[in-house]
C-alpha atoms as a PDB file:
ATOM      1  CA  MET A   1     -16.322  33.586  31.124  1.00  0.00           C
ATOM      2  CA  SER A   2     -17.966  29.927  30.330  1.00  0.00           C
ATOM      3  CA  GLN A   3     -18.292  28.729  26.864  1.00  0.00           C
ATOM      4  CA  ALA A   4     -21.691  27.993  24.691  1.00  0.00           C
ATOM      5  CA  PRO A   5     -23.041  24.733  25.409  1.00  0.00           C
ATOM      6  CA  VAL A   6     -22.415  22.433  22.946  1.00  0.00           C
ATOM      7  CA  SER A   7     -26.106  20.707  21.538  1.00  0.00           C
ATOM      8  CA  ASP A   8     -24.332  18.591  18.828  1.00  0.00           C
ATOM      9  CA  PRO A   9     -23.289  15.051  20.546  1.00  0.00           C
ATOM     10  CA  ALA A  10     -20.370  14.915  17.692  1.00  0.00           C
ATOM     11  CA  ASP A  11     -19.300  18.325  18.130  1.00  0.00           C
ATOM     12  CA  LEU A  12     -19.505  17.953  21.983  1.00  0.00           C
ATOM     13  CA  ALA A  13     -17.072  14.509  21.037  1.00  0.00           C
ATOM     14  CA  ALA A  14     -14.634  16.444  19.075  1.00  0.00           C
ATOM     15  CA  GLU A  15     -14.407  19.472  21.461  1.00  0.00           C
ATOM     16  CA  MET A  16     -13.641  16.850  24.222  1.00  0.00           C
ATOM     17  CA  ALA A  17     -10.645  14.730  22.473  1.00  0.00           C
ATOM     18  CA  ALA A  18      -7.889  13.825  23.554  1.00  0.00           C
ATOM     19  CA  ILE A  19      -6.236  14.476  20.533  1.00  0.00           C
ATOM     20  CA  PRO A  20      -5.695  17.370  18.250  1.00  0.00           C
ATOM     21  CA  LEU A  21      -8.460  18.127  15.852  1.00  0.00           C
ATOM     22  CA  LEU A  22      -8.192  20.685  13.252  1.00  0.00           C
ATOM     23  CA  GLN A  23     -11.179  21.295  10.191  1.00  0.00           C
ATOM     24  CA  PHE A  24     -10.701  22.544   7.104  1.00  0.00           C
ATOM     25  CA  ALA A  25     -13.122  23.870   3.576  1.00  0.00           C
ATOM     26  CA  GLN A  26     -12.354  22.135   0.473  1.00  0.00           C
ATOM     27  CA  ASP A  27     -10.011  24.967  -0.519  1.00  0.00           C
ATOM     28  CA  GLY A  28      -7.867  24.515   2.445  1.00  0.00           C
ATOM     29  CA  ALA A  29      -9.626  27.629   4.732  1.00  0.00           C
ATOM     30  CA  PHE A  30      -9.322  26.695   8.241  1.00  0.00           C
ATOM     31  CA  ILE A  31     -12.890  26.606   9.768  1.00  0.00           C
ATOM     32  CA  TRP A  32     -12.307  24.901  13.217  1.00  0.00           C
ATOM     33  CA  ALA A  33     -10.091  23.460  16.007  1.00  0.00           C
ATOM     34  CA  ASN A  34     -11.002  22.047  19.610  1.00  0.00           C
ATOM     35  CA  THR A  35      -9.447  22.898  22.539  1.00  0.00           C
ATOM     36  CA  GLN A  36      -6.437  20.621  22.419  1.00  0.00           C
ATOM     37  CA  ALA A  37      -4.971  21.835  19.099  1.00  0.00           C
ATOM     38  CA  GLU A  38      -5.238  25.234  20.264  1.00  0.00           C
ATOM     39  CA  GLU A  39      -2.914  24.213  23.080  1.00  0.00           C
ATOM     40  CA  TRP A  40      -0.776  21.939  20.743  1.00  0.00           C
ATOM     41  CA  LEU A  41      -0.157  25.298  18.437  1.00  0.00           C
ATOM     42  CA  GLY A  42      -0.688  28.035  20.857  1.00  0.00           C
ATOM     43  CA  LEU A  43      -3.026  29.873  18.717  1.00  0.00           C
ATOM     44  CA  SER A  44      -6.742  31.025  19.319  1.00  0.00           C
ATOM     45  CA  LYS A  45      -9.314  29.764  16.779  1.00  0.00           C
ATOM     46  CA  ARG A  46      -9.591  33.522  16.014  1.00  0.00           C
ATOM     47  CA  VAL A  47      -6.385  33.921  15.243  1.00  0.00           C
ATOM     48  CA  MET A  48      -6.122  30.841  12.864  1.00  0.00           C
ATOM     49  CA  ARG A  49      -8.609  32.484  10.958  1.00  0.00           C
ATOM     50  CA  LYS A  50      -7.305  35.671  10.239  1.00  0.00           C
ATOM     51  CA  GLY A  51      -5.479  34.658   6.654  1.00  0.00           C
ATOM     52  CA  PRO A  52      -3.927  31.853   5.245  1.00  0.00           C
ATOM     53  CA  PHE A  53      -3.532  29.094   7.802  1.00  0.00           C
ATOM     54  CA  GLY A  54       0.239  28.125   6.857  1.00  0.00           C
ATOM     55  CA  THR A  55       1.510  31.499   7.249  1.00  0.00           C
ATOM     56  CA  HIS A  56       0.952  31.322  11.213  1.00  0.00           C
ATOM     57  CA  SER A  57       3.916  29.775  11.861  1.00  0.00           C
ATOM     58  CA  PRO A  58       6.095  26.602  10.327  1.00  0.00           C
ATOM     59  CA  LEU A  59       4.051  23.968  12.627  1.00  0.00           C
ATOM     60  CA  CYS A  60       1.421  25.553  10.780  1.00  0.00           C
ATOM     61  CA  SER A  61       2.761  25.370   7.399  1.00  0.00           C
ATOM     62  CA  HIS A  62       3.729  21.774   7.457  1.00  0.00           C
ATOM     63  CA  LEU A  63      -0.031  20.728   8.582  1.00  0.00           C
ATOM     64  CA  ALA A  64      -1.462  23.240   5.445  1.00  0.00           C
ATOM     65  CA  GLU A  65       0.896  20.805   3.035  1.00  0.00           C
ATOM     66  CA  ILE A  66      -1.245  17.880   3.890  1.00  0.00           C
ATOM     67  CA  VAL A  67      -4.195  19.308   4.150  1.00  0.00           C
ATOM     68  CA  GLU A  68      -3.956  20.550   0.769  1.00  0.00           C
ATOM     69  CA  GLN A  69      -3.243  17.296  -0.777  1.00  0.00           C
ATOM     70  CA  ALA A  70      -6.126  15.647   0.854  1.00  0.00           C
ATOM     71  CA  CYS A  71      -8.484  18.725  -0.666  1.00  0.00           C
ATOM     72  CA  GLY A  72      -6.514  18.321  -3.760  1.00  0.00           C
ATOM     73  CA  ALA A  73      -6.767  15.158  -4.644  1.00  0.00           C
ATOM     74  CA  ARG A  74     -10.297  14.552  -2.587  1.00  0.00           C
ATOM     75  CA  ARG A  75      -9.235  11.615  -0.754  1.00  0.00           C
ATOM     76  CA  THR A  76      -7.738  10.746   2.712  1.00  0.00           C
ATOM     77  CA  VAL A  77      -3.464  11.377   3.206  1.00  0.00           C
ATOM     78  CA  VAL A  78      -1.921  10.150   6.112  1.00  0.00           C
ATOM     79  CA  GLY A  79       1.869  11.586   6.996  1.00  0.00           C
ATOM     80  CA  LEU A  80       3.773   9.200   9.571  1.00  0.00           C
ATOM     81  CA  GLY A  81       6.869   9.830  12.051  1.00  0.00           C
ATOM     82  CA  LEU A  82       6.557  13.781  11.240  1.00  0.00           C
ATOM     83  CA  ALA A  83       8.714  15.721  13.968  1.00  0.00           C
ATOM     84  CA  LEU A  84       6.454  18.334  14.431  1.00  0.00           C
ATOM     85  CA  GLY A  85       6.089  21.200  17.578  1.00  0.00           C
ATOM     86  CA  HIS A  86       7.124  19.350  21.002  1.00  0.00           C
ATOM     87  CA  GLY A  87       6.229  15.747  22.097  1.00  0.00           C
ATOM     88  CA  GLY A  88       6.670  14.321  18.388  1.00  0.00           C
ATOM     89  CA  PRO A  89       6.803  12.707  16.197  1.00  0.00           C
ATOM     90  CA  PHE A  90       3.269  12.540  15.138  1.00  0.00           C
ATOM     91  CA  ASP A  91       0.930  10.898  12.578  1.00  0.00           C
ATOM     92  CA  LEU A  92      -1.395  13.015  11.013  1.00  0.00           C
ATOM     93  CA  HIS A  93      -4.388  11.679   9.200  1.00  0.00           C
ATOM     94  CA  ALA A  94      -5.930  14.162   6.897  1.00  0.00           C
ATOM     95  CA  ARG A  95      -9.297  12.722   6.398  1.00  0.00           C
ATOM     96  CA  TRP A  96     -11.395  14.162   3.628  1.00  0.00           C
ATOM     97  CA  SER A  97     -15.382  14.054   3.488  1.00  0.00           C
ATOM     98  CA  ASP A  98     -17.204  13.903   0.493  1.00  0.00           C
ATOM     99  CA  GLU A  99     -20.245  14.455   2.039  1.00  0.00           C
ATOM    100  CA  SER A 100     -19.504  17.616   3.934  1.00  0.00           C
ATOM    101  CA  GLY A 101     -16.439  18.560   1.342  1.00  0.00           C
ATOM    102  CA  THR A 102     -14.579  19.150   4.509  1.00  0.00           C
ATOM    103  CA  VAL A 103     -11.039  17.645   5.623  1.00  0.00           C
ATOM    104  CA  THR A 104     -10.560  16.975   9.200  1.00  0.00           C
ATOM    105  CA  LEU A 105      -6.827  16.631  10.534  1.00  0.00           C
ATOM    106  CA  SER A 106      -6.163  14.621  13.448  1.00  0.00           C
ATOM    107  CA  VAL A 107      -3.160  14.402  15.074  1.00  0.00           C
ATOM    108  CA  LEU A 108      -2.126  11.639  16.884  1.00  0.00           C
ATOM    109  CA  PRO A 109       1.381  10.109  18.641  1.00  0.00           C
ATOM    110  CA  HIS A 110       3.497   8.189  16.579  1.00  0.00           C
ATOM    111  CA  ARG A 111       3.532   4.405  16.123  1.00  0.00           C
ATOM    112  CA  GLU A 112       5.932   2.164  14.447  1.00  0.00           C
ATOM    113  CA  THR A 113       5.318   1.605  10.894  1.00  0.00           C
ATOM    114  CA  GLY A 114       6.680  -0.390   8.300  1.00  0.00           C
ATOM    115  CA  ALA A 115       6.736  -4.536   7.454  1.00  0.00           C
ATOM    116  CA  ARG A 116       6.859  -5.240  10.939  1.00  0.00           C
ATOM    117  CA  ALA A 117       3.493  -2.902  11.589  1.00  0.00           C
ATOM    118  CA  SER A 118       2.061  -4.449   8.548  1.00  0.00           C
ATOM    119  CA  GLU A 119       2.224  -7.883  10.368  1.00  0.00           C
ATOM    120  CA  ALA A 120      -0.436  -7.129  13.061  1.00  0.00           C
ATOM    121  CA  PRO A 121      -3.327  -9.556  12.212  1.00  0.00           C
ATOM    122  CA  ALA A 122      -6.238  -8.060  10.198  1.00  0.00           C
ATOM    123  CA  LEU A 123      -8.925  -9.499  12.744  1.00  0.00           C
ATOM    124  CA  GLY A 124     -11.926 -10.608  11.195  1.00  0.00           C
ATOM    125  CA  PHE A 125     -10.877  -8.851   7.642  1.00  0.00           C
ATOM    126  CA  GLY A 126      -9.173 -12.235   6.516  1.00  0.00           C
ATOM    127  CA  ARG A 127     -12.001 -14.438   7.034  1.00  0.00           C
ATOM    128  CA  MET A 128     -14.812 -11.944   5.848  1.00  0.00           C
ATOM    129  CA  LEU A 129     -12.177 -11.386   2.793  1.00  0.00           C
ATOM    130  CA  ALA A 130     -12.022 -15.468   2.224  1.00  0.00           C
ATOM    131  CA  HIS A 131     -15.686 -15.378   2.330  1.00  0.00           C
ATOM    132  CA  GLU A 132     -16.722 -13.007   0.128  1.00  0.00           C
ATOM    133  CA  LEU A 133     -14.313 -14.280  -2.705  1.00  0.00           C
ATOM    134  CA  LYS A 134     -15.048 -17.309  -2.832  1.00  0.00           C
ATOM    135  CA  ASN A 135     -18.523 -18.011  -3.699  1.00  0.00           C
ATOM    136  CA  PRO A 136     -17.589 -16.105  -7.013  1.00  0.00           C
ATOM    137  CA  LEU A 137     -14.111 -17.807  -7.740  1.00  0.00           C
ATOM    138  CA  ALA A 138     -16.350 -21.324  -8.038  1.00  0.00           C
ATOM    139  CA  SER A 139     -18.614 -20.175 -10.296  1.00  0.00           C
ATOM    140  CA  VAL A 140     -15.799 -18.458 -12.498  1.00  0.00           C
ATOM    141  CA  ARG A 141     -14.280 -21.774 -11.921  1.00  0.00           C
ATOM    142  CA  GLY A 142     -17.159 -23.868 -13.153  1.00  0.00           C
ATOM    143  CA  ALA A 143     -17.847 -21.781 -16.064  1.00  0.00           C
ATOM    144  CA  ALA A 144     -14.075 -22.105 -16.958  1.00  0.00           C
ATOM    145  CA  GLN A 145     -14.017 -25.527 -16.771  1.00  0.00           C
ATOM    146  CA  LEU A 146     -17.119 -25.599 -18.943  1.00  0.00           C
ATOM    147  CA  ILE A 147     -15.522 -23.544 -21.922  1.00  0.00           C
ATOM    148  CA  LYS A 148     -12.612 -26.081 -21.991  1.00  0.00           C
ATOM    149  CA  ARG A 149     -14.780 -29.222 -21.807  1.00  0.00           C
ATOM    150  CA  GLU A 150     -17.004 -27.555 -24.747  1.00  0.00           C
ATOM    151  CA  THR A 151     -14.494 -26.161 -26.992  1.00  0.00           C
ATOM    152  CA  ASP A 152     -13.072 -27.528 -30.472  1.00  0.00           C
ATOM    153  CA  LEU A 153     -11.022 -24.198 -30.343  1.00  0.00           C
ATOM    154  CA  ASP A 154      -6.953 -25.349 -28.711  1.00  0.00           C
ATOM    155  CA  ALA A 155      -6.667 -21.475 -28.223  1.00  0.00           C
ATOM    156  CA  THR A 156      -9.542 -21.121 -26.481  1.00  0.00           C
ATOM    157  CA  ALA A 157      -8.982 -24.245 -24.335  1.00  0.00           C
ATOM    158  CA  GLU A 158      -5.532 -22.925 -23.490  1.00  0.00           C
ATOM    159  CA  LEU A 159      -7.165 -19.751 -21.899  1.00  0.00           C
ATOM    160  CA  ALA A 160      -9.683 -21.529 -20.375  1.00  0.00           C
ATOM    161  CA  HIS A 161      -6.525 -23.616 -18.843  1.00  0.00           C
ATOM    162  CA  VAL A 162      -4.902 -20.219 -17.520  1.00  0.00           C
ATOM    163  CA  ILE A 163      -8.268 -18.959 -16.099  1.00  0.00           C
ATOM    164  CA  ILE A 164      -8.620 -22.093 -13.425  1.00  0.00           C
ATOM    165  CA  GLN A 165      -5.087 -21.990 -12.347  1.00  0.00           C
ATOM    166  CA  ASP A 166      -5.144 -18.376 -11.917  1.00  0.00           C
ATOM    167  CA  VAL A 167      -8.541 -19.018  -9.754  1.00  0.00           C
ATOM    168  CA  ASP A 168      -7.029 -22.144  -7.969  1.00  0.00           C
ATOM    169  CA  ARG A 169      -3.739 -19.682  -6.732  1.00  0.00           C
ATOM    170  CA  ILE A 170      -6.158 -16.794  -5.900  1.00  0.00           C
ATOM    171  CA  THR A 171      -8.569 -19.691  -3.821  1.00  0.00           C
ATOM    172  CA  ARG A 172      -5.378 -20.414  -2.353  1.00  0.00           C
ATOM    173  CA  LEU A 173      -4.516 -17.221  -1.017  1.00  0.00           C
ATOM    174  CA  ALA A 174      -7.745 -16.773   0.096  1.00  0.00           C
ATOM    175  CA  ASP A 175      -7.485 -20.010   2.634  1.00  0.00           C
ATOM    176  CA  HIS A 176      -4.708 -18.484   3.986  1.00  0.00           C
ATOM    177  CA  TRP A 177      -6.317 -15.403   5.120  1.00  0.00           C
ATOM    178  CA  SER A 178      -9.408 -17.878   6.451  1.00  0.00           C
ATOM    179  CA  ARG A 179      -7.830 -19.505   8.733  1.00  0.00           C
ATOM    180  CA  VAL A 180      -6.271 -17.361  11.059  1.00  0.00           C
ATOM    181  CA  GLY A 181      -7.184 -14.095   9.358  1.00  0.00           C
ATOM    182  CA  ASP A 182      -3.576 -13.093   8.559  1.00  0.00           C
ATOM    183  CA  ILE A 183      -1.093 -14.360   6.134  1.00  0.00           C
ATOM    184  CA  ARG A 184       1.081 -17.332   6.870  1.00  0.00           C
ATOM    185  CA  LEU A 185       3.335 -19.760   4.858  1.00  0.00           C
ATOM    186  CA  GLY A 186       1.910 -22.620   2.677  1.00  0.00           C
ATOM    187  CA  GLU A 187       3.967 -25.197   0.495  1.00  0.00           C
ATOM    188  CA  GLN A 188       7.382 -24.175  -0.075  1.00  0.00           C
ATOM    189  CA  SER A 189       9.610 -24.805  -2.868  1.00  0.00           C
ATOM    190  CA  GLU A 190      12.844 -23.528  -4.601  1.00  0.00           C
ATOM    191  CA  ILE A 191      11.776 -20.319  -6.925  1.00  0.00           C
ATOM    192  CA  ASN A 192      13.705 -18.780  -9.795  1.00  0.00           C
ATOM    193  CA  LEU A 193      13.245 -14.973  -9.675  1.00  0.00           C
ATOM    194  CA  ASN A 194      13.236 -14.465 -13.042  1.00  0.00           C
ATOM    195  CA  ARG A 195      10.500 -16.780 -13.967  1.00  0.00           C
ATOM    196  CA  LEU A 196       8.435 -15.630 -10.845  1.00  0.00           C
ATOM    197  CA  ALA A 197       8.432 -12.313 -13.050  1.00  0.00           C
ATOM    198  CA  VAL A 198       8.259 -13.487 -16.147  1.00  0.00           C
ATOM    199  CA  ALA A 199       4.704 -15.141 -14.782  1.00  0.00           C
ATOM    200  CA  ALA A 200       3.823 -11.662 -13.059  1.00  0.00           C
ATOM    201  CA  MET A 201       4.155 -10.007 -16.003  1.00  0.00           C
ATOM    202  CA  GLU A 202       1.997 -12.517 -18.182  1.00  0.00           C
ATOM    203  CA  SER A 203      -0.373 -12.489 -15.893  1.00  0.00           C
ATOM    204  CA  LEU A 204      -0.926  -8.483 -15.694  1.00  0.00           C
ATOM    205  CA  THR A 205      -1.006  -8.437 -19.743  1.00  0.00           C
ATOM    206  CA  ARG A 206      -3.415 -10.903 -19.787  1.00  0.00           C
ATOM    207  CA  ALA A 207      -5.532  -8.888 -17.397  1.00  0.00           C
ATOM    208  CA  ASP A 208      -4.653  -5.592 -18.571  1.00  0.00           C
ATOM    209  CA  GLY A 209      -4.308  -4.584 -22.060  1.00  0.00           C
ATOM    210  CA  ASP A 210      -2.194  -1.437 -21.233  1.00  0.00           C
ATOM    211  CA  ALA A 211       0.299  -3.357 -19.542  1.00  0.00           C
ATOM    212  CA  GLY A 212       2.353  -5.248 -22.622  1.00  0.00           C
ATOM    213  CA  SER A 213       3.420  -2.265 -24.546  1.00  0.00           C
ATOM    214  CA  ILE A 214       5.148  -0.316 -21.674  1.00  0.00           C
ATOM    215  CA  LEU A 215       6.719  -3.758 -19.534  1.00  0.00           C
ATOM    216  CA  ARG A 216      10.521  -4.352 -19.953  1.00  0.00           C
ATOM    217  CA  GLU A 217      12.576  -6.762 -18.396  1.00  0.00           C
ATOM    218  CA  GLY A 218      16.424  -6.438 -17.061  1.00  0.00           C
ATOM    219  CA  PHE A 219      17.585 -10.205 -15.639  1.00  0.00           C
ATOM    220  CA  ASP A 220      20.036 -11.359 -13.612  1.00  0.00           C
ATOM    221  CA  PRO A 221      20.287 -15.042 -15.796  1.00  0.00           C
ATOM    222  CA  SER A 222      22.792 -16.342 -12.909  1.00  0.00           C
ATOM    223  CA  LEU A 223      20.749 -15.642  -9.911  1.00  0.00           C
ATOM    224  CA  PRO A 224      20.196 -18.825  -7.260  1.00  0.00           C
ATOM    225  CA  ASN A 225      16.796 -19.863  -6.451  1.00  0.00           C
ATOM    226  CA  VAL A 226      15.085 -18.423  -3.309  1.00  0.00           C
ATOM    227  CA  LEU A 227      12.628 -21.041  -0.865  1.00  0.00           C
ATOM    228  CA  GLY A 228       9.380 -19.688  -0.684  1.00  0.00           C
ATOM    229  CA  ASP A 229       5.486 -19.567  -0.865  1.00  0.00           C
ATOM    230  CA  ARG A 230       5.314 -19.628  -4.832  1.00  0.00           C
ATOM    231  CA  ASP A 231       1.509 -18.077  -4.398  1.00  0.00           C
ATOM    232  CA  LEU A 232       2.466 -15.607  -2.273  1.00  0.00           C
ATOM    233  CA  LEU A 233       5.744 -14.413  -3.848  1.00  0.00           C
ATOM    234  CA  LEU A 234       3.765 -14.550  -7.230  1.00  0.00           C
ATOM    235  CA  GLN A 235       1.072 -12.059  -5.826  1.00  0.00           C
ATOM    236  CA  VAL A 236       3.918  -9.866  -4.177  1.00  0.00           C
ATOM    237  CA  VAL A 237       4.938  -9.287  -7.574  1.00  0.00           C
ATOM    238  CA  LEU A 238       1.851  -8.867  -8.887  1.00  0.00           C
ATOM    239  CA  ASN A 239       1.052  -6.178  -6.641  1.00  0.00           C
ATOM    240  CA  LEU A 240       3.970  -4.098  -7.109  1.00  0.00           C
ATOM    241  CA  LEU A 241       3.218  -4.025 -10.997  1.00  0.00           C
ATOM    242  CA  ARG A 242      -0.718  -3.241 -10.776  1.00  0.00           C
ATOM    243  CA  ASN A 243       0.549  -0.174  -8.448  1.00  0.00           C
ATOM    244  CA  ALA A 244       3.368   0.271 -10.948  1.00  0.00           C
ATOM    245  CA  LEU A 245       0.608   0.267 -14.350  1.00  0.00           C
ATOM    246  CA  ASP A 246      -1.631   2.492 -11.881  1.00  0.00           C
ATOM    247  CA  ALA A 247       0.902   5.031 -11.343  1.00  0.00           C
ATOM    248  CA  VAL A 248       1.898   5.455 -15.359  1.00  0.00           C
ATOM    249  CA  ARG A 249      -1.211   4.430 -16.638  1.00  0.00           C
ATOM    250  CA  GLY A 250      -2.450   7.884 -19.060  1.00  0.00           C
ATOM    251  CA  GLN A 251       1.185   8.930 -19.316  1.00  0.00           C
ATOM    252  CA  ALA A 252       2.469   8.762 -23.404  1.00  0.00           C
ATOM    253  CA  ASP A 253       6.197   7.895 -21.925  1.00  0.00           C
ATOM    254  CA  ALA A 254       5.073   5.239 -19.451  1.00  0.00           C
ATOM    255  CA  ARG A 255       7.639   2.575 -18.650  1.00  0.00           C
ATOM    256  CA  ILE A 256       7.629   0.006 -16.129  1.00  0.00           C
ATOM    257  CA  ARG A 257      10.606  -2.000 -15.742  1.00  0.00           C
ATOM    258  CA  VAL A 258      11.325  -5.242 -13.779  1.00  0.00           C
ATOM    259  CA  GLU A 259      15.036  -6.301 -12.880  1.00  0.00           C
ATOM    260  CA  THR A 260      16.613  -8.966 -10.784  1.00  0.00           C
ATOM    261  CA  ARG A 261      19.929  -8.935  -9.191  1.00  0.00           C
ATOM    262  CA  PHE A 262      22.258 -10.277  -6.816  1.00  0.00           C
ATOM    263  CA  ASP A 263      23.287  -7.670  -4.077  1.00  0.00           C
ATOM    264  CA  THR A 264      25.294  -8.537  -1.102  1.00  0.00           C
ATOM    265  CA  GLY A 265      24.922  -5.103   0.688  1.00  0.00           C
ATOM    266  CA  PRO A 266      21.520  -5.129   1.886  1.00  0.00           C
ATOM    267  CA  LYS A 267      20.712  -6.831   5.369  1.00  0.00           C
ATOM    268  CA  SER A 268      17.017  -7.579   6.734  1.00  0.00           C
ATOM    269  CA  ARG A 269      15.119  -5.258   9.052  1.00  0.00           C
ATOM    270  CA  THR A 270      16.585  -7.328  11.610  1.00  0.00           C
ATOM    271  CA  GLY A 271      20.187  -7.489  10.720  1.00  0.00           C
ATOM    272  CA  ALA A 272      20.251 -11.082  11.072  1.00  0.00           C
ATOM    273  CA  ASN A 273      19.706 -12.554   7.496  1.00  0.00           C
ATOM    274  CA  SER A 274      21.487 -11.205   4.184  1.00  0.00           C
ATOM    275  CA  THR A 275      19.169 -10.556   1.491  1.00  0.00           C
ATOM    276  CA  PRO A 276      21.186 -10.534  -1.729  1.00  0.00           C
ATOM    277  CA  LEU A 277      18.307 -11.808  -4.124  1.00  0.00           C
ATOM    278  CA  VAL A 278      16.506  -8.732  -5.378  1.00  0.00           C
ATOM    279  CA  LEU A 279      13.515  -8.061  -7.280  1.00  0.00           C
ATOM    280  CA  SER A 280      13.080  -4.405  -8.299  1.00  0.00           C
ATOM    281  CA  VAL A 281      10.001  -3.056 -10.501  1.00  0.00           C
ATOM    282  CA  ARG A 282      10.496   0.648 -11.422  1.00  0.00           C
ATOM    283  CA  ASP A 283       8.211   2.997 -12.789  1.00  0.00           C
ATOM    284  CA  ASN A 284       8.425   6.850 -14.270  1.00  0.00           C
ATOM    285  CA  GLY A 285       5.154   8.139 -12.384  1.00  0.00           C
ATOM    286  CA  PRO A 286       4.704  10.931 -11.012  1.00  0.00           C
ATOM    287  CA  GLY A 287       6.203   9.360  -7.302  1.00  0.00           C
ATOM    288  CA  ILE A 288       4.865   9.120  -3.593  1.00  0.00           C
ATOM    289  CA  PRO A 289       4.198  11.843  -1.593  1.00  0.00           C
ATOM    290  CA  ASP A 290       7.005  12.545   0.778  1.00  0.00           C
ATOM    291  CA  THR A 291       4.422  12.733   3.766  1.00  0.00           C
ATOM    292  CA  LEU A 292       3.133   9.152   3.049  1.00  0.00           C
ATOM    293  CA  GLY A 293       6.880   7.554   3.997  1.00  0.00           C
ATOM    294  CA  SER A 294       6.919   4.045   5.603  1.00  0.00           C
ATOM    295  CA  GLY A 295       3.550   4.429   6.440  1.00  0.00           C
ATOM    296  CA  ILE A 296       2.525   2.994   2.623  1.00  0.00           C
ATOM    297  CA  PHE A 297       3.312  -0.670   4.104  1.00  0.00           C
ATOM    298  CA  THR A 298       0.339   0.031   6.701  1.00  0.00           C
ATOM    299  CA  PRO A 299      -2.954  -1.622   6.016  1.00  0.00           C
ATOM    300  CA  PHE A 300      -5.504   1.030   4.434  1.00  0.00           C
ATOM    301  CA  VAL A 301      -3.035   3.774   4.076  1.00  0.00           C
ATOM    302  CA  THR A 302      -3.094   4.485   0.236  1.00  0.00           C
ATOM    303  CA  THR A 303      -2.666   6.933  -2.430  1.00  0.00           C
ATOM    304  CA  LYS A 304      -5.020   5.876  -4.818  1.00  0.00           C
ATOM    305  CA  PRO A 305      -8.612   7.449  -4.853  1.00  0.00           C
ATOM    306  CA  ALA A 306     -10.295   4.133  -4.823  1.00  0.00           C
ATOM    307  CA  GLY A 307      -7.632   2.224  -3.245  1.00  0.00           C
ATOM    308  CA  GLU A 308      -8.035   0.167   0.138  1.00  0.00           C
ATOM    309  CA  GLY A 309      -4.824   0.410   0.810  1.00  0.00           C
ATOM    310  CA  LEU A 310      -3.691  -3.531   1.262  1.00  0.00           C
ATOM    311  CA  GLY A 311      -1.492  -4.808  -1.566  1.00  0.00           C
ATOM    312  CA  LEU A 312       1.950  -2.923  -0.084  1.00  0.00           C
ATOM    313  CA  ALA A 313       0.577  -4.183   3.649  1.00  0.00           C
ATOM    314  CA  PHE A 314       0.199  -7.792   1.782  1.00  0.00           C
ATOM    315  CA  ALA A 315       3.677  -7.157   0.392  1.00  0.00           C
ATOM    316  CA  ALA A 316       5.699  -6.151   2.963  1.00  0.00           C
ATOM    317  CA  ARG A 317       4.266  -8.762   5.168  1.00  0.00           C
ATOM    318  CA  VAL A 318       4.786 -11.578   2.987  1.00  0.00           C
ATOM    319  CA  ALA A 319       8.554 -10.580   2.366  1.00  0.00           C
ATOM    320  CA  ALA A 320       9.088 -10.622   6.265  1.00  0.00           C
ATOM    321  CA  LEU A 321       7.509 -13.993   6.611  1.00  0.00           C
ATOM    322  CA  HIS A 322      10.440 -14.946   4.066  1.00  0.00           C
ATOM    323  CA  ASP A 323      13.191 -13.426   6.317  1.00  0.00           C
ATOM    324  CA  GLY A 324      13.676 -10.477   3.499  1.00  0.00           C
ATOM    325  CA  GLN A 325      12.803  -7.311   3.149  1.00  0.00           C
ATOM    326  CA  LEU A 326      10.185  -4.943   0.943  1.00  0.00           C
ATOM    327  CA  ASP A 327      11.418  -1.123   0.418  1.00  0.00           C
ATOM    328  CA  TYR A 328      11.405   1.797  -2.347  1.00  0.00           C
ATOM    329  CA  GLU A 329      13.312   5.135  -3.068  1.00  0.00           C
ATOM    330  CA  SER A 330      11.150   7.835  -5.356  1.00  0.00           C
ATOM    331  CA  GLN A 331      10.896  10.743  -6.412  1.00  0.00           C
ATOM    332  CA  PRO A 332       8.929  12.613  -9.230  1.00  0.00           C
ATOM    333  CA  GLY A 333       9.555  10.467 -12.346  1.00  0.00           C
ATOM    334  CA  GLN A 334      10.572   7.790 -10.934  1.00  0.00           C
ATOM    335  CA  THR A 335       9.499   5.083  -7.968  1.00  0.00           C
ATOM    336  CA  VAL A 336      11.110   1.783  -7.470  1.00  0.00           C
ATOM    337  CA  PHE A 337       9.928  -0.944  -4.934  1.00  0.00           C
ATOM    338  CA  HIS A 338      12.803  -3.706  -4.518  1.00  0.00           C
ATOM    339  CA  LEU A 339      11.767  -7.161  -2.803  1.00  0.00           C
ATOM    340  CA  ARG A 340      14.442  -8.464  -1.050  1.00  0.00           C
ATOM    341  CA  LEU A 341      15.391 -12.075  -0.246  1.00  0.00           C
ATOM    342  CA  PRO A 342      17.737 -14.688   0.823  1.00  0.00           C
ATOM    343  CA  ILE A 343      19.069 -17.492  -1.102  1.00  0.00           C
ATOM    344  CA  ALA A 344      17.282 -20.928  -0.714  1.00  0.00           C
ATOM    345  CA  ARG A 345      19.281 -22.581   2.762  1.00  0.00           C
ATOM    346  CA  GLU A 346      19.583 -25.917   0.447  1.00  0.00           C
ATOM    347  CA  VAL A 347      22.366 -24.299  -1.759  1.00  0.00           C
ATOM    348  CA  LEU A 348      24.597 -21.911   0.580  1.00  0.00           C
ATOM    349  CA  PRO A 349      28.009 -23.162   1.198  1.00  0.00           C
END
């Protein structure tokens, strides 16, 4: 029997898509699937509508879990490199729509993620970002210079000086993006990770009053220096601290601990370089969903309802440029990100 014609071009495109597509209501109930999804699951739409979707098969149960996460958080959730069905692994994109109150689940062939995937340039985005940043930054810097020049109070002048320093650093970061649309190393120098961590903690505390009371430190005082771009590495630590603060915000027992240590075990992702210098940011938040995996280092993948998904991609890229790596461990109640870097070559034996 022939199918009824599909009048809506969007519906027709979804039906003819080369990947499985499924749609779910805001309570997780199955609504619709295209032919590719029916063939992949081995189930008809009529069968999928009978009872809870996750009860039809183990595969359906896995899909239902990520859909429930997207419905519960009212945001897009991504699962990468999942072993589901034949022909895997697969990437799952459960995209929440505020307009329709539904989740559209796309099933795609897995592509590599992690630090190396984050090296792919976001062409055009960097230039756009830099252009949009520079005008307001110039205005802020000018206002801070005026405050510094006109005030008679030493404390106010010092705060104005701090504003100017931070604006200049952000402007240099924007210049990195504007030149090539991707991050590249700038001027490099020997950097003490303990002092870098303190600078990042002070910057976060100035920007967010909630941070000061929950930040703790545990530094190795004998840590050798790294060779790197201070602006980029400082921004990496700031990104990790901001993520940790967002994760624990509102908790009565919120804690963030910044640690440094010497660890001779880990290697870089290529295995070619030893990365014994470790800066870790540890929080006691709810943890990172297992469905995201290493995909959190991919641009535009985020666990935040209002996030852009660029902070960790940026951090992983900067770590790779320094012949290092960024990795993490997470479980409910504890997440820790490790920035692993080599010793400055000048001081290697």
